[in-house]
């Protein structure tokens, strides 16, 4: 069939089952948007308030659905506004394809209006980037983009297309999407050594990372926990893989993880790292992390093995395929004494209510969980509220907790919540945020209102930049430099100005009442929850510290 470049883009999107694109139009992208108008019955376009919101929405859509998210932007500032969103997706291994339109090829390199070399700018924060200035290269670049984004360790890919290419005519023959199924191979020797170390261990603990969630390997991992009677701790990115009430679950590990998880790593004789990279928020002091334990690791990305922590055995493999082959080699065992010790540490908790206040984060989150079902998708921004959410949400399923882990992107939440709701329209979406994070991208309220999305935003409003404020109090002698911005924002009135519904709450009773009212609304709702600026996140291990440095309250 004869198509122009923009129509070709639409056809390839359809070949990859793309039904939704998030973006913002502009001059260089006019041809793409003209084609979108032609294909509007097949491809839904969600116009966000800002291109960063579009990139976060594509990210949230991908995390919630397991599909590849897609976003569009025009040249220059439109393209550069995607950078933070692409970096966020890159750090958390989220498949996103960003398609940008650049100035015409004859203007490239001439400092033309809104010209920028976005394909070079994003090299460090994408799996790959393409610059397409020939119509003959467009099809292969787009097919490759989806293959690269969705295979191996998933991640974002950018395709930058010059405006003249989006208008040129080409003969196109439809293709089947490229095969994503090729996985790294592993040997019988890898399996046998891995199994023998597990079978010989007296105090094993599983260290479960986001790769387990991405690979849908939760069932296989839970079988390993059951067969070999092994307790397990999860990272921020794998919340939900281990159920909230799993008797062998130790909770989240790391800087703000549970005492049980961190003690188990410290006392274990074997740490089984599955789909995780020993990040500095878990292995805060790599040389002393799990110092009593042998360490074995499975990861889809070979570069992550022995990168942060040296392991005794590392296997480059898809964690689901590896666990499936491993399970028949694992002996049925009971570690009753170890299980009793490890789960017993769960009784030691950090300071849940660390100050004298009317309303505490734990009460807010418990009320939300008690009034929503297990299919609810929880999305967070970054800061104290993110850690409280990770600690207190009753996690039950994968792909139901969406947060920026690796990059720690304040302002991520609202865009991601929009993407999650668009991708999973039948699921309730709750957005937890802090007043600092929310101020960064609350402009996406107009998107939620325009699309009539019943997203409930719960704002933990302590009127300071809480996490940095906490660190300044603990380690900088209460010198609160630029963390109390003295803002006077009235979130209830602001919500109404956007066309959303606004509530406020200062006590647990008030919050429960307004939250139940919020559940009845058909559009977006904000709930301004006033909490104390002295409310801290505990436990806490300072950066570079060990279990001995843990602050409980």
Protein backbone atom coordinates (compact mmCIF):
# COMPACT_ATOMS: atom_id res chain seq x y z
CA UNK A 1 0.00 0.00 0.00
CA UNK A 2 1.11 3.57 -0.67
CA UNK A 3 1.35 5.63 2.52
CA UNK A 4 2.97 8.80 3.67
CA UNK A 5 5.42 8.56 6.56
CA UNK A 6 2.85 9.57 9.15
CA UNK A 7 0.34 6.99 7.96
CA UNK A 8 3.13 4.42 8.06
CA UNK A 9 3.71 5.27 11.72
CA UNK A 10 0.02 4.62 12.45
CA UNK A 11 0.01 1.30 10.60
CA UNK A 12 3.04 0.07 12.54
CA UNK A 13 1.45 1.15 15.81
CA UNK A 14 -1.59 -0.94 14.93
CA UNK A 15 0.62 -3.91 14.03
CA UNK A 16 1.95 -3.73 17.59
CA UNK A 17 -1.55 -3.58 19.13
CA UNK A 18 -1.14 0.06 20.17
CA UNK A 19 -4.55 1.57 20.80
CA UNK A 20 -3.52 4.59 22.90
CA UNK A 21 -0.92 7.33 22.44
CA UNK A 22 -0.14 10.10 24.93
CA UNK A 23 1.25 13.33 23.57
CA UNK A 24 1.18 17.00 22.71
CA UNK A 25 1.08 18.45 19.16
CA UNK A 26 3.37 21.05 17.59
CA UNK A 27 4.58 22.42 14.29
CA UNK A 28 7.04 19.69 13.35
CA UNK A 29 4.52 17.04 14.38
CA UNK A 30 1.61 18.39 12.31
CA UNK A 31 1.79 15.55 9.78
CA UNK A 32 1.76 12.93 12.55
CA UNK A 33 -1.25 14.54 14.17
CA UNK A 34 -3.03 14.82 10.83
CA UNK A 35 -2.61 11.06 10.46
CA UNK A 36 -3.86 10.56 14.02
CA UNK A 37 -7.05 12.35 13.00
CA UNK A 38 -7.43 9.90 10.14
CA UNK A 39 -6.87 6.90 12.46
CA UNK A 40 -8.82 8.26 15.44
CA UNK A 41 -11.28 5.34 15.43
CA UNK A 42 -8.40 2.92 15.96
CA UNK A 43 -5.84 4.89 17.97
CA UNK A 44 -6.92 7.04 20.89
CA UNK A 45 -4.82 10.11 21.55
CA UNK A 46 -4.66 11.51 25.09
CA UNK A 47 -3.46 15.10 25.04
CA UNK A 48 -1.68 15.88 28.31
CA UNK A 49 -0.93 19.28 29.81
CA UNK A 50 2.81 18.87 29.27
CA UNK A 51 5.04 16.43 27.39
CA UNK A 52 6.55 15.22 30.67
CA UNK A 53 3.05 14.22 31.71
CA UNK A 54 2.72 12.30 28.43
CA UNK A 55 5.93 10.36 29.06
CA UNK A 56 4.85 9.49 32.62
CA UNK A 57 1.40 8.49 31.36
CA UNK A 58 2.93 6.16 28.76
CA UNK A 59 5.09 4.73 31.56
CA UNK A 60 2.13 4.22 33.92
CA UNK A 61 0.13 2.65 31.09
CA UNK A 62 2.96 0.19 30.41
CA UNK A 63 3.43 -0.75 34.07
CA UNK A 64 -0.28 -1.32 34.64
CA UNK A 65 -0.99 -3.26 31.42
CA UNK A 66 2.30 -5.00 30.66
CA UNK A 67 2.16 -3.54 27.13
CA UNK A 68 4.53 -1.02 25.56
CA UNK A 69 3.52 2.58 26.24
CA UNK A 70 3.72 5.13 23.43
CA UNK A 71 4.09 8.92 23.54
CA UNK A 72 4.40 11.62 20.86
CA UNK A 73 6.11 15.00 21.01
CA UNK A 74 7.10 17.71 18.60
CA UNK A 75 10.63 19.00 18.06
CA UNK A 76 12.80 21.11 20.35
CA UNK A 77 11.27 21.74 23.79
CA UNK A 78 8.53 19.22 23.10
CA UNK A 79 11.13 16.49 22.70
CA UNK A 80 13.34 17.63 25.58
CA UNK A 81 10.33 17.69 27.89
CA UNK A 82 10.22 13.88 27.51
CA UNK A 83 13.70 13.43 28.96
CA UNK A 84 12.77 13.01 32.63
CA UNK A 85 10.03 10.54 31.75
CA UNK A 86 12.36 8.49 29.57
CA UNK A 87 15.01 8.44 32.29
CA UNK A 88 12.37 7.29 34.78
CA UNK A 89 11.31 4.43 32.50
CA UNK A 90 14.94 3.51 31.80
CA UNK A 91 15.86 3.20 35.47
CA UNK A 92 12.83 1.03 36.19
CA UNK A 93 13.01 -1.09 33.00
CA UNK A 94 9.66 0.01 31.56
CA UNK A 95 8.93 -0.48 27.82
CA UNK A 96 8.09 2.87 26.23
CA UNK A 97 8.42 4.00 22.61
CA UNK A 98 8.69 7.78 22.23
CA UNK A 99 8.13 9.15 18.73
CA UNK A 100 9.30 12.70 18.15
CA UNK A 101 9.08 14.87 15.04
CA UNK A 102 12.09 17.02 14.19
CA UNK A 103 12.55 19.87 11.73
CA UNK A 104 12.95 19.02 8.03
CA UNK A 105 16.18 17.32 7.03
CA UNK A 106 17.46 20.36 5.07
CA UNK A 107 17.31 22.38 8.33
CA UNK A 108 19.13 19.86 10.54
CA UNK A 109 22.34 21.32 11.92
CA UNK A 110 21.36 24.92 11.11
CA UNK A 111 19.96 25.88 14.52
CA UNK A 112 16.49 26.05 13.00
CA UNK A 113 13.52 27.09 15.09
CA UNK A 114 12.82 24.35 17.66
CA UNK A 115 15.61 22.12 16.37
CA UNK A 116 17.38 19.88 18.86
CA UNK A 117 19.32 16.63 18.45
CA UNK A 118 17.07 14.63 20.76
CA UNK A 119 18.35 11.27 19.51
CA UNK A 120 21.79 12.09 20.93
CA UNK A 121 20.48 13.74 24.08
CA UNK A 122 18.68 10.57 25.19
CA UNK A 123 21.45 8.06 24.46
CA UNK A 124 22.36 7.52 28.15
CA UNK A 125 18.71 7.14 29.24
CA UNK A 126 17.24 4.87 26.57
CA UNK A 127 17.97 1.36 25.37
CA UNK A 128 18.39 2.81 21.89
CA UNK A 129 17.53 5.90 19.88
CA UNK A 130 16.93 6.31 16.15
CA UNK A 131 17.26 9.38 13.94
CA UNK A 132 15.24 8.86 10.75
CA UNK A 133 15.82 11.29 7.86
CA UNK A 134 15.07 8.83 5.03
CA UNK A 135 11.62 7.40 4.38
CA UNK A 136 13.24 4.08 3.43
CA UNK A 137 14.53 3.66 7.00
CA UNK A 138 11.31 4.49 8.85
CA UNK A 139 9.65 1.07 8.88
CA UNK A 140 12.72 -0.79 10.14
CA UNK A 141 13.40 1.83 12.81
CA UNK A 142 9.87 1.58 14.21
CA UNK A 143 9.78 -2.21 14.16
CA UNK A 144 13.19 -2.32 15.83
CA UNK A 145 12.03 0.22 18.43
CA UNK A 146 9.20 -2.02 19.61
CA UNK A 147 11.42 -5.11 19.56
CA UNK A 148 14.14 -3.44 21.62
CA UNK A 149 11.73 -1.84 24.11
CA UNK A 150 9.90 -5.10 24.79
CA UNK A 151 12.69 -7.68 24.83
CA UNK A 152 15.34 -8.66 27.36
CA UNK A 153 15.55 -6.07 30.09
CA UNK A 154 12.76 -3.82 28.90
CA UNK A 155 13.12 -0.07 28.57
CA UNK A 156 12.43 3.08 26.56
CA UNK A 157 13.38 3.67 22.93
CA UNK A 158 13.13 6.96 21.04
CA UNK A 159 12.50 7.40 17.30
CA UNK A 160 13.10 10.93 15.98
CA UNK A 161 11.67 11.55 12.51
CA UNK A 162 12.32 14.61 10.36
CA UNK A 163 9.21 16.46 9.20
CA UNK A 164 9.85 15.80 5.52
CA UNK A 165 9.92 12.04 6.18
CA UNK A 166 6.51 12.23 7.85
CA UNK A 167 5.13 13.58 4.53
CA UNK A 168 6.97 11.50 1.93
CA UNK A 169 5.22 8.62 0.16
CA UNK A 170 6.42 5.03 0.34
CA UNK A 171 5.18 1.59 -0.68
CA UNK A 172 4.64 -0.44 2.48
CA UNK A 173 3.92 -4.10 2.97
CA UNK A 174 2.61 -5.04 6.39
CA UNK A 175 4.89 -7.07 8.62
CA UNK A 176 4.38 -9.20 11.65
CA UNK A 177 5.91 -7.72 14.81
CA UNK A 178 9.40 -9.01 15.49
CA UNK A 179 9.78 -11.90 17.92
CA UNK A 180 10.39 -10.82 21.51
CA UNK A 181 10.65 -14.36 22.85
CA UNK A 182 14.38 -14.94 22.51
CA UNK A 183 15.85 -15.22 26.00
CA UNK A 184 19.42 -15.77 27.21
CA UNK A 185 20.30 -19.43 27.65
CA UNK A 186 21.56 -21.02 30.85
CA UNK A 187 23.28 -24.34 31.43
CA UNK A 188 22.44 -27.45 33.41
CA UNK A 189 25.53 -26.69 35.44
CA UNK A 190 24.04 -23.29 36.40
CA UNK A 191 20.83 -25.00 37.51
CA UNK A 192 22.57 -27.75 39.45
CA UNK A 193 24.92 -25.38 41.28
CA UNK A 194 22.06 -23.01 42.09
CA UNK A 195 19.89 -25.85 43.39
CA UNK A 196 22.68 -27.42 45.45
CA UNK A 197 23.37 -24.14 47.22
CA UNK A 198 19.69 -23.72 48.08
CA UNK A 199 19.34 -27.33 49.17
CA UNK A 200 22.39 -27.07 51.45
CA UNK A 201 21.39 -23.79 53.08
CA UNK A 202 20.07 -23.61 56.64
CA UNK A 203 19.15 -19.91 56.64
CA UNK A 204 18.20 -18.96 53.08
CA UNK A 205 16.32 -15.78 52.23
CA UNK A 206 14.95 -14.65 48.87
CA UNK A 207 15.69 -11.11 47.73
CA UNK A 208 12.92 -10.41 45.20
CA UNK A 209 13.28 -7.52 42.75
CA UNK A 210 11.32 -5.81 40.02
CA UNK A 211 12.51 -8.33 37.46
CA UNK A 212 10.29 -10.96 39.07
CA UNK A 213 7.25 -8.72 38.57
CA UNK A 214 8.22 -7.81 35.00
CA UNK A 215 8.76 -11.45 34.05
CA UNK A 216 5.48 -12.53 35.72
CA UNK A 217 7.54 -14.97 37.76
CA UNK A 218 5.73 -14.44 41.04
CA UNK A 219 4.02 -17.84 40.99
CA UNK A 220 7.30 -19.68 40.41
CA UNK A 221 9.02 -17.70 43.15
CA UNK A 222 6.24 -18.41 45.63
CA UNK A 223 6.52 -22.13 44.80
CA UNK A 224 10.22 -21.94 45.64
CA UNK A 225 9.34 -20.27 48.95
CA UNK A 226 6.88 -23.06 49.72
CA UNK A 227 8.90 -26.09 48.60
CA UNK A 228 12.13 -25.05 50.33
CA UNK A 229 10.42 -23.16 53.20
CA UNK A 230 12.26 -19.90 52.50
CA UNK A 231 11.30 -16.43 53.78
CA UNK A 232 11.42 -13.60 51.26
CA UNK A 233 11.83 -9.83 51.21
CA UNK A 234 10.96 -7.57 48.30
CA UNK A 235 12.30 -4.35 46.87
CA UNK A 236 10.21 -1.24 46.22
CA UNK A 237 9.81 -2.31 42.58
CA UNK A 238 8.42 -5.75 43.41
CA UNK A 239 5.72 -4.79 45.90
CA UNK A 240 2.80 -7.15 45.42
CA UNK A 241 4.77 -10.19 44.30
CA UNK A 242 4.68 -11.40 47.89
CA UNK A 243 1.22 -11.00 49.38
CA UNK A 244 0.71 -8.67 52.33
CA UNK A 245 -0.36 -11.58 54.55
CA UNK A 246 2.06 -14.21 53.21
CA UNK A 247 3.40 -15.95 56.34
CA UNK A 248 6.90 -16.17 54.83
CA UNK A 249 6.89 -12.55 53.62
CA UNK A 250 9.24 -10.22 55.47
CA UNK A 251 8.16 -6.99 53.79
CA UNK A 252 10.25 -4.43 51.95
CA UNK A 253 14.03 -4.43 52.30
CA UNK A 254 16.42 -1.51 52.34
CA UNK A 255 16.79 2.02 53.62
CA UNK A 256 13.17 2.29 54.76
CA UNK A 257 12.49 -1.43 54.75
CA UNK A 258 11.28 -3.58 57.60
CA UNK A 259 13.45 -4.64 60.48
CA UNK A 260 12.65 -8.27 59.63
CA UNK A 261 13.82 -8.00 56.02
CA UNK A 262 17.07 -6.25 56.86
CA UNK A 263 17.87 -8.52 59.81
CA UNK A 264 17.20 -11.58 57.66
CA UNK A 265 19.73 -10.40 55.07
CA UNK A 266 22.24 -9.78 57.84
CA UNK A 267 21.78 -13.20 59.53
CA UNK A 268 21.19 -15.37 56.46
CA UNK A 269 23.69 -17.92 55.15
CA UNK A 270 22.35 -17.66 51.56
CA UNK A 271 20.80 -14.67 49.80
CA UNK A 272 18.93 -15.68 46.64
CA UNK A 273 18.67 -12.53 44.50
CA UNK A 274 16.00 -12.82 41.82
CA UNK A 275 15.53 -10.08 39.24
CA UNK A 276 17.25 -7.45 41.33
CA UNK A 277 20.44 -5.44 41.10
CA UNK A 278 21.57 -4.88 44.72
CA UNK A 279 20.82 -1.17 44.44
CA UNK A 280 22.30 1.34 46.86
CA UNK A 281 18.89 1.69 48.54
CA UNK A 282 19.06 -1.97 49.64
CA UNK A 283 22.76 -2.80 49.72
CA UNK A 284 23.59 0.54 51.29
CA UNK A 285 27.09 -0.63 52.20
CA UNK A 286 27.95 -3.20 49.51
CA UNK A 287 31.05 -4.54 51.25
CA UNK A 288 29.06 -5.35 54.40
CA UNK A 289 25.73 -6.33 52.87
CA UNK A 290 24.76 -9.87 53.90
CA UNK A 291 28.26 -10.40 55.23
CA UNK A 292 27.45 -13.83 56.69
CA UNK A 293 25.82 -15.12 53.50
CA UNK A 294 26.75 -16.66 50.18
CA UNK A 295 24.98 -14.81 47.39
CA UNK A 296 23.46 -16.15 44.20
CA UNK A 297 21.80 -14.01 41.56
CA UNK A 298 19.60 -14.39 38.47
CA UNK A 299 19.10 -11.39 36.19
CA UNK A 300 18.02 -10.77 32.60
CA UNK A 301 20.74 -8.10 32.30
CA UNK A 302 24.24 -9.60 32.43
CA UNK A 303 25.71 -6.19 33.32
CA UNK A 304 23.91 -6.26 36.69
CA UNK A 305 25.69 -9.41 37.85
CA UNK A 306 28.62 -8.52 40.12
CA UNK A 307 28.08 -4.80 39.40
CA UNK A 308 27.17 -3.61 42.89
CA UNK A 309 27.74 -6.69 45.05
CA UNK A 310 30.05 -9.59 44.22
CA UNK A 311 28.08 -12.85 44.16
CA UNK A 312 29.18 -16.47 44.49
CA UNK A 313 27.09 -17.53 41.51
CA UNK A 314 25.49 -15.30 38.91
CA UNK A 315 23.22 -16.54 36.13
CA UNK A 316 22.23 -14.46 33.10
CA UNK A 317 18.67 -15.63 32.47
CA UNK A 318 15.01 -14.76 32.34
CA UNK A 319 13.96 -15.33 35.94
CA UNK A 320 10.69 -17.05 35.04
CA UNK A 321 12.35 -19.54 32.69
CA UNK A 322 15.15 -20.16 35.18
CA UNK A 323 12.84 -20.77 38.15
CA UNK A 324 10.63 -23.06 36.07
CA UNK A 325 13.67 -25.23 35.28
CA UNK A 326 15.03 -24.93 38.84
CA UNK A 327 11.96 -26.02 40.82
CA UNK A 328 12.19 -29.78 40.05
CA UNK A 329 15.73 -29.75 41.49
CA UNK A 330 14.74 -28.19 44.82
CA UNK A 331 14.28 -30.50 47.80
CA UNK A 332 11.31 -30.27 50.11
CA UNK A 333 12.69 -28.85 53.34
CA UNK A 334 11.58 -27.29 56.56
CA UNK A 335 13.48 -24.41 58.11
CA UNK A 336 11.23 -24.08 61.13
CA UNK A 337 13.76 -22.47 63.46
CA UNK A 338 14.93 -19.99 60.80
CA UNK A 339 11.38 -19.16 59.71
CA UNK A 340 10.37 -18.59 63.33
CA UNK A 341 13.35 -16.31 63.89
CA UNK A 342 12.96 -14.33 60.64
CA UNK A 343 9.21 -13.86 60.88
CA UNK A 344 9.52 -13.14 64.59
CA UNK A 345 11.44 -10.00 63.73
CA UNK A 346 8.24 -8.72 62.08
CA UNK A 347 6.94 -8.00 65.57
CA UNK A 348 9.61 -5.31 65.95
CA UNK A 349 8.32 -2.30 64.08
CA UNK A 350 9.54 1.17 63.39
CA UNK A 351 7.81 4.17 64.93
CA UNK A 352 4.47 4.13 63.08
CA UNK A 353 3.24 7.35 64.68
CA UNK A 354 6.43 9.30 65.13
CA UNK A 355 4.84 12.47 66.43
CA UNK A 356 1.79 13.69 68.32
CA UNK A 357 -0.69 14.56 65.58
CA UNK A 358 -4.38 14.20 64.76
CA UNK A 359 -3.88 12.32 61.48
CA UNK A 360 -1.09 9.88 60.64
CA UNK A 361 -0.07 8.42 57.25
CA UNK A 362 -0.57 4.85 58.47
CA UNK A 363 -4.19 5.68 59.32
CA UNK A 364 -4.77 7.27 55.92
CA UNK A 365 -3.38 4.28 54.01
CA UNK A 366 -5.14 1.68 56.15
CA UNK A 367 -8.46 3.45 55.59
CA UNK A 368 -7.88 3.48 51.82
CA UNK A 369 -7.01 -0.21 51.75
CA UNK A 370 -10.00 -1.17 53.90
CA UNK A 371 -12.35 0.56 51.47
CA UNK A 372 -10.89 -0.66 48.15
CA UNK A 373 -10.47 -4.08 46.55
CA UNK A 374 -7.37 -6.10 45.63
CA UNK A 375 -7.58 -4.97 41.99
CA UNK A 376 -6.97 -1.34 43.00
CA UNK A 377 -3.92 0.26 41.40
CA UNK A 378 -1.88 2.45 43.75
CA UNK A 379 0.38 5.09 42.18
CA UNK A 380 2.78 7.30 44.10
CA UNK A 381 5.05 10.23 43.62
CA UNK A 382 8.39 10.31 45.46
CA UNK A 383 9.19 11.19 49.06
CA UNK A 384 7.96 10.23 52.50
CA UNK A 385 4.48 9.37 51.25
CA UNK A 386 6.08 6.90 48.80
CA UNK A 387 7.81 5.04 51.62
CA UNK A 388 4.71 5.05 53.83
CA UNK A 389 2.74 3.70 50.86
CA UNK A 390 5.28 0.93 50.29
CA UNK A 391 5.20 0.04 53.98
CA UNK A 392 1.46 0.16 54.72
CA UNK A 393 -0.46 -0.65 51.51
CA UNK A 394 -1.91 -4.16 51.67
CA UNK A 395 -0.05 -5.31 48.55
CA UNK A 396 -1.62 -8.40 46.99
CA UNK A 397 -0.92 -8.36 43.24
CA UNK A 398 1.83 -7.41 40.81
CA UNK A 399 1.33 -4.41 38.52
CA UNK A 400 -0.81 -2.82 41.22
CA UNK A 401 1.86 -0.58 42.80
CA UNK A 402 3.35 1.97 40.42
CA UNK A 403 6.15 4.21 41.59
CA UNK A 404 9.41 5.75 40.41
CA UNK A 405 12.08 3.66 42.10
CA UNK A 406 15.41 4.10 40.36
CA UNK A 407 15.25 7.76 39.35
CA UNK A 408 13.02 8.90 42.21
CA UNK A 409 11.02 11.33 40.08
CA UNK A 410 8.93 13.83 42.00
CA UNK A 411 5.94 14.72 39.82
CA UNK A 412 5.74 11.22 38.32
CA UNK A 413 2.50 10.22 40.00
CA UNK A 414 -0.34 12.12 38.35
CA UNK A 415 0.75 11.36 34.79
CA UNK A 416 1.37 7.72 35.68
CA UNK A 417 -2.03 7.48 37.37
CA UNK A 418 -3.68 8.81 34.21
CA UNK A 419 -1.84 6.23 32.12
CA UNK A 420 -2.76 3.42 34.50
CA UNK A 421 -6.43 4.40 34.48
CA UNK A 422 -6.53 4.67 30.69
CA UNK A 423 -4.87 1.26 30.40
CA UNK A 424 -7.02 -0.41 33.06
CA UNK A 425 -10.35 1.44 32.96
CA UNK A 426 -12.13 -1.10 35.17
CA UNK A 427 -9.63 -0.74 38.03
CA UNK A 428 -9.84 1.84 40.78
CA UNK A 429 -6.74 4.10 40.74
CA UNK A 430 -5.54 5.78 43.94
CA UNK A 431 -2.74 8.34 43.67
CA UNK A 432 -0.75 8.96 46.86
CA UNK A 433 1.37 12.11 46.81
CA UNK A 434 2.96 14.75 48.99
CA UNK A 435 2.38 18.46 48.61
CA UNK A 436 5.96 18.91 47.34
CA UNK A 437 5.71 16.27 44.61
CA UNK A 438 2.18 17.23 43.68
CA UNK A 439 3.08 20.86 43.03
CA UNK A 440 5.45 19.70 40.28
CA UNK A 441 2.90 18.22 37.87
CA UNK A 442 -0.54 18.96 39.25
CA UNK A 443 -1.26 20.66 35.91
CA UNK A 444 -2.20 17.18 34.66
CA UNK A 445 -5.45 17.65 36.57
CA UNK A 446 -6.81 19.22 33.40
CA UNK A 447 -6.10 15.95 31.57
CA UNK A 448 -7.86 13.87 34.22
CA UNK A 449 -10.86 16.23 34.11
CA UNK A 450 -11.03 16.31 30.30
CA UNK A 451 -10.93 12.52 30.17
CA UNK A 452 -13.38 12.18 33.10
CA UNK A 453 -11.02 9.87 34.99
CA UNK A 454 -12.15 9.04 38.55
CA UNK A 455 -8.63 9.08 40.00
CA UNK A 456 -8.54 9.81 43.73
CA UNK A 457 -5.46 11.82 44.71
CA UNK A 458 -4.58 11.61 48.41
CA UNK A 459 -2.23 14.49 49.29
CA UNK A 460 -0.19 13.95 52.45
CA UNK A 461 0.25 17.63 53.10
CA UNK A 462 2.88 18.46 55.71
CA UNK A 463 3.72 21.77 53.97
CA UNK A 464 7.42 20.90 53.79
CA UNK A 465 9.62 18.77 51.52
CA UNK A 466 9.23 15.93 53.95
CA UNK A 467 12.00 13.48 53.13
CA UNK A 468 14.72 16.12 52.84
CA UNK A 469 13.27 17.86 55.90
CA UNK A 470 13.58 14.59 57.84
CA UNK A 471 17.22 14.16 56.81
CA UNK A 472 18.02 17.76 57.72
CA UNK A 473 16.54 17.15 61.14
CA UNK A 474 18.41 13.87 61.67
CA UNK A 475 21.81 14.66 60.17
CA UNK A 476 22.11 18.43 59.69
CA UNK A 477 21.34 19.75 63.16
CA UNK A 478 17.79 20.89 62.31
CA UNK A 479 19.11 23.36 59.73
CA UNK A 480 16.06 23.36 57.46
CA UNK A 481 17.50 24.93 54.34
CA UNK A 482 14.87 25.54 51.60
CA UNK A 483 12.63 22.68 52.70
CA UNK A 484 9.84 24.83 54.13
CA UNK A 485 8.58 26.77 51.10
CA UNK A 486 5.77 28.56 53.03
CA UNK A 487 3.24 27.84 50.31
CA UNK A 488 -0.36 28.87 50.79
CA UNK A 489 -1.91 26.57 48.18
CA UNK A 490 -5.56 25.76 48.85
CA UNK A 491 -5.84 22.35 47.18
CA UNK A 492 -9.62 22.22 47.58
CA UNK A 493 -10.17 25.49 45.73
CA UNK A 494 -7.49 24.60 43.18
CA UNK A 495 -9.18 21.28 42.44
CA UNK A 496 -12.46 23.07 41.87
CA UNK A 497 -10.71 25.53 39.57
CA UNK A 498 -9.58 22.64 37.39
CA UNK A 499 -13.08 21.17 37.40
CA UNK A 500 -12.23 18.38 39.86
CA UNK A 501 -13.71 17.72 43.30
CA UNK A 502 -11.77 18.78 46.38
CA UNK A 503 -11.98 17.60 50.00
CA UNK A 504 -9.88 18.16 53.09
CA UNK A 505 -9.32 16.10 56.24
CA UNK A 506 -7.52 16.72 59.50
CA UNK A 507 -8.61 13.69 61.56
CA UNK A 508 -9.01 9.95 60.87
CA UNK A 509 -12.79 10.27 61.11
CA UNK A 510 -12.88 13.14 58.63
CA UNK A 511 -10.64 11.26 56.22
CA UNK A 512 -12.74 8.11 56.30
CA UNK A 513 -15.87 10.14 55.60
CA UNK A 514 -14.44 12.13 52.70
CA UNK A 515 -12.74 9.09 51.20
CA UNK A 516 -16.05 7.22 51.08
CA UNK A 517 -17.57 10.26 49.39
CA UNK A 518 -14.68 10.40 46.94
CA UNK A 519 -15.35 6.80 45.90
CA UNK A 520 -18.78 7.89 44.66
CA UNK A 521 -17.48 10.63 42.35
CA UNK A 522 -17.35 10.05 38.60
CA UNK A 523 -14.38 12.35 37.97
CA UNK A 524 -11.04 13.19 39.58
CA UNK A 525 -10.92 13.95 43.31
CA UNK A 526 -8.24 15.51 45.50
CA UNK A 527 -8.15 14.97 49.27
CA UNK A 528 -5.91 17.38 51.18
CA UNK A 529 -4.76 15.50 54.30
CA UNK A 530 -3.04 17.68 56.85
CA UNK A 531 -0.27 15.76 58.58
CA UNK A 532 2.51 17.01 60.85
CA UNK A 533 5.78 18.22 59.37
CA UNK A 534 7.56 16.29 62.15
CA UNK A 535 6.08 12.95 61.05
CA UNK A 536 9.04 10.79 59.97
CA UNK A 537 9.51 7.55 58.04
CA UNK A 538 10.88 4.73 60.17
CA UNK A 539 12.79 2.44 60.13
CA UNK A 540 15.64 4.24 58.40
CA UNK A 541 19.19 3.19 57.59
CA UNK A 542 21.39 6.16 56.62
CA UNK A 543 23.11 6.02 53.24
CA UNK A 544 26.24 3.87 53.44
CA UNK A 545 25.04 2.34 56.71
CA UNK A 546 24.30 -1.19 57.84
CA UNK A 547 21.72 -2.88 60.05
CA UNK A 548 23.69 -1.66 63.07
CA UNK A 549 22.94 1.94 62.02
CA UNK A 550 19.18 1.45 61.70
CA UNK A 551 17.06 4.18 63.30
CA UNK A 552 13.75 2.79 64.54
CA UNK A 553 12.19 6.00 65.82
